[in-house]
Amino acid sequence: MPKPITTDYPEYFGRYINQVTEEDLAEAFKNQLPKIQDFLQSINEEKANFAYAPGKWTLKELLQHVTDTERIFNYRALAIARKETSSLPSFDENLYAENSNANARSWKSLSNELINVRRSTEDLFKSFSDAMLQQKGTANNNSITVLSLGFTIIGHVYHHIKVVEERYL
């Protein structure tokens, strides 16, 4: 299934989708998992407690944000694939981070959680037919396809890896 066209997702999500080099969603998921694992292993517990400025998330909070966002986008993809007609709600990423308890957890625990969520994400998207991937729904009052959500999930991870490399390491 090729990359979605720009009318299949909110303009804001283009910043994530454009970071995915693969044209095929399954290939993109397959290629990203080892990159995520290598990235997570490159960070130790001491670094994981670092925030690059006052009021910014620690690496632990950022990782929990990535995991939370993937779960939320998975729910949106599932609901839209099943032809949900209600507009799915938005979420406040800062409120979620503030209430995540991420800083009380170990980096290893947070890393394992993301890997488990990602494997579940891959299974979810493998279960969708081509028609389901093209299904359009509404999330946060914006029209989006299931396929677009898949590419957004992948691009969101790349976005945050870049942020970590530029600001945290």
Protein backbone atom coordinates (compact mmCIF):
# COMPACT_ATOMS: atom_id res chain seq x y z
CA MET A 1 0.00 0.00 0.00
CA PRO A 2 1.66 3.27 -1.11
CA LYS A 3 2.00 6.39 1.00
CA PRO A 4 -1.17 8.40 1.51
CA ILE A 5 -1.85 11.52 -0.51
CA THR A 6 -1.99 14.89 1.22
CA THR A 7 -5.80 15.05 1.14
CA ASP A 8 -5.91 11.89 3.29
CA TYR A 9 -4.62 13.55 6.46
CA PRO A 10 -4.45 16.90 8.29
CA GLU A 11 -1.68 19.16 6.99
CA TYR A 12 0.07 19.05 10.37
CA PHE A 13 0.67 15.30 10.04
CA GLY A 14 2.69 15.87 6.87
CA ARG A 15 5.67 16.71 9.07
CA TYR A 16 5.64 13.11 10.30
CA ILE A 17 4.58 11.30 7.14
CA ASN A 18 7.29 13.07 5.12
CA GLN A 19 9.98 11.58 7.39
CA VAL A 20 9.09 8.07 6.26
CA THR A 21 11.25 7.13 3.27
CA GLU A 22 9.50 3.87 2.45
CA GLU A 23 6.49 3.87 0.15
CA ASP A 24 5.06 0.67 1.67
CA LEU A 25 3.62 0.73 5.20
CA ALA A 26 4.54 -2.87 6.11
CA GLU A 27 8.12 -2.33 4.94
CA ALA A 28 8.33 0.92 6.92
CA PHE A 29 7.21 -0.82 10.11
CA LYS A 30 9.65 -3.69 9.50
CA ASN A 31 12.58 -1.33 8.87
CA GLN A 32 11.90 0.91 11.85
CA LEU A 33 11.76 -1.64 14.66
CA PRO A 34 15.53 -2.39 14.72
CA LYS A 35 16.23 1.37 14.60
CA ILE A 36 13.98 1.90 17.61
CA GLN A 37 15.69 -0.94 19.50
CA ASP A 38 19.18 0.42 18.74
CA PHE A 39 18.14 3.92 19.75
CA LEU A 40 16.62 2.77 23.05
CA GLN A 41 19.70 0.73 23.91
CA SER A 42 21.95 3.75 23.29
CA ILE A 43 20.46 5.61 26.26
CA ASN A 44 21.36 4.75 29.84
CA GLU A 45 19.34 5.37 32.99
CA GLU A 46 21.29 8.50 33.91
CA LYS A 47 20.68 10.11 30.52
CA ALA A 48 17.02 9.06 30.64
CA ASN A 49 16.38 11.45 33.54
CA PHE A 50 17.74 14.44 31.59
CA ALA A 51 15.63 17.34 30.33
CA TYR A 52 17.42 19.82 28.07
CA ALA A 53 15.76 22.87 29.64
CA PRO A 54 13.54 23.74 32.62
CA GLY A 55 9.94 22.79 31.92
CA LYS A 56 10.88 20.38 29.10
CA TRP A 57 10.19 16.67 29.25
CA THR A 58 12.81 14.24 30.48
CA LEU A 59 13.79 11.50 28.06
CA LYS A 60 11.60 9.15 30.10
CA GLU A 61 8.60 11.45 29.66
CA LEU A 62 9.34 11.82 25.96
CA LEU A 63 9.48 8.04 25.54
CA GLN A 64 6.20 7.65 27.41
CA HIS A 65 4.73 10.32 25.11
CA VAL A 66 5.78 8.31 22.06
CA THR A 67 4.19 5.18 23.54
CA ASP A 68 0.99 6.98 24.55
CA THR A 69 0.67 8.61 21.14
CA GLU A 70 1.15 5.29 19.36
CA ARG A 71 -1.61 3.77 21.47
CA ILE A 72 -3.97 6.66 20.77
CA PHE A 73 -3.28 6.55 17.03
CA ASN A 74 -3.81 2.78 17.10
CA TYR A 75 -7.20 3.30 18.70
CA ARG A 76 -8.06 5.87 16.05
CA ALA A 77 -6.95 3.50 13.28
CA LEU A 78 -9.00 0.64 14.73
CA ALA A 79 -12.10 2.79 15.19
CA ILE A 80 -11.89 4.23 11.68
CA ALA A 81 -11.20 0.81 10.13
CA ARG A 82 -14.36 -0.41 11.85
CA LYS A 83 -16.27 2.55 10.33
CA GLU A 84 -16.76 4.59 13.48
CA THR A 85 -18.74 7.68 12.52
CA SER A 86 -18.11 9.80 15.64
CA SER A 87 -15.26 12.29 15.69
CA LEU A 88 -12.55 10.75 17.85
CA PRO A 89 -11.24 13.03 20.60
CA SER A 90 -7.99 14.93 20.72
CA PHE A 91 -5.58 14.61 23.63
CA ASP A 92 -3.37 17.02 25.54
CA GLU A 93 0.15 15.62 25.23
CA ASN A 94 1.48 17.80 28.06
CA LEU A 95 -1.27 16.71 30.44
CA TYR A 96 -0.57 13.08 29.56
CA ALA A 97 3.18 13.54 30.15
CA GLU A 98 2.57 15.31 33.45
CA ASN A 99 0.42 12.42 34.65
CA SER A 100 2.41 9.55 33.15
CA ASN A 101 4.57 8.59 36.14
CA ALA A 102 7.36 8.04 33.61
CA ASN A 103 10.10 9.48 35.83
CA ALA A 104 9.35 6.90 38.53
CA ARG A 105 9.98 4.06 36.07
CA SER A 106 13.18 2.63 34.69
CA TRP A 107 14.35 3.34 31.14
CA LYS A 108 14.36 -0.40 30.50
CA SER A 109 10.73 -0.72 31.58
CA LEU A 110 9.66 2.19 29.37
CA SER A 111 11.71 0.82 26.45
CA ASN A 112 10.17 -2.63 26.78
CA GLU A 113 6.70 -1.10 26.84
CA LEU A 114 7.30 0.79 23.58
CA ILE A 115 8.66 -2.33 21.87
CA ASN A 116 5.62 -4.32 23.00
CA VAL A 117 3.24 -1.60 21.82
CA ARG A 118 5.05 -1.44 18.48
CA ARG A 119 4.72 -5.18 17.94
CA SER A 120 1.02 -4.85 18.68
CA THR A 121 0.83 -1.91 16.25
CA GLU A 122 2.36 -4.03 13.50
CA ASP A 123 -0.12 -6.83 14.17
CA LEU A 124 -3.01 -4.37 14.09
CA PHE A 125 -1.99 -2.86 10.76
CA LYS A 126 -1.31 -6.31 9.25
CA SER A 127 -4.90 -7.21 10.11
CA PHE A 128 -6.33 -4.39 8.01
CA SER A 129 -7.44 -5.08 4.44
CA ASP A 130 -6.62 -2.57 1.69
CA ALA A 131 -10.18 -1.26 1.94
CA MET A 132 -9.77 -0.75 5.70
CA LEU A 133 -6.48 1.11 5.18
CA GLN A 134 -8.26 3.49 2.79
CA GLN A 135 -11.19 4.02 5.18
CA LYS A 136 -11.62 7.67 6.17
CA GLY A 137 -12.80 8.87 9.53
CA THR A 138 -12.59 11.89 11.78
CA ALA A 139 -10.17 12.45 14.64
CA ASN A 140 -9.80 15.74 16.45
CA ASN A 141 -12.30 17.15 13.92
CA ASN A 142 -9.97 16.32 11.00
CA SER A 143 -10.47 13.79 8.23
CA ILE A 144 -7.84 11.05 8.11
CA THR A 145 -7.36 7.56 6.68
CA VAL A 146 -6.20 4.49 8.54
CA LEU A 147 -3.17 4.33 6.22
CA SER A 148 -2.25 7.91 7.11
CA LEU A 149 -2.34 7.02 10.78
CA GLY A 150 0.09 4.16 10.15
CA PHE A 151 2.58 6.41 8.39
CA THR A 152 2.08 9.08 11.06
CA ILE A 153 2.95 6.59 13.80
CA ILE A 154 6.24 5.76 12.07
CA GLY A 155 7.08 9.39 11.30
CA HIS A 156 6.25 10.46 14.85
CA VAL A 157 8.93 8.11 16.16
CA TYR A 158 11.50 9.44 13.66
CA HIS A 159 10.57 12.99 14.65
CA HIS A 160 11.26 12.32 18.31
CA ILE A 161 14.49 10.42 17.66
CA LYS A 162 15.67 13.54 15.81
CA VAL A 163 14.61 15.77 18.71
CA VAL A 164 16.55 13.58 21.13
CA GLU A 165 19.66 13.60 18.95
CA GLU A 166 19.53 17.39 18.53
CA ARG A 167 18.56 18.48 22.04
CA TYR A 168 19.25 15.71 24.54
CA LEU A 169 22.45 13.94 23.49
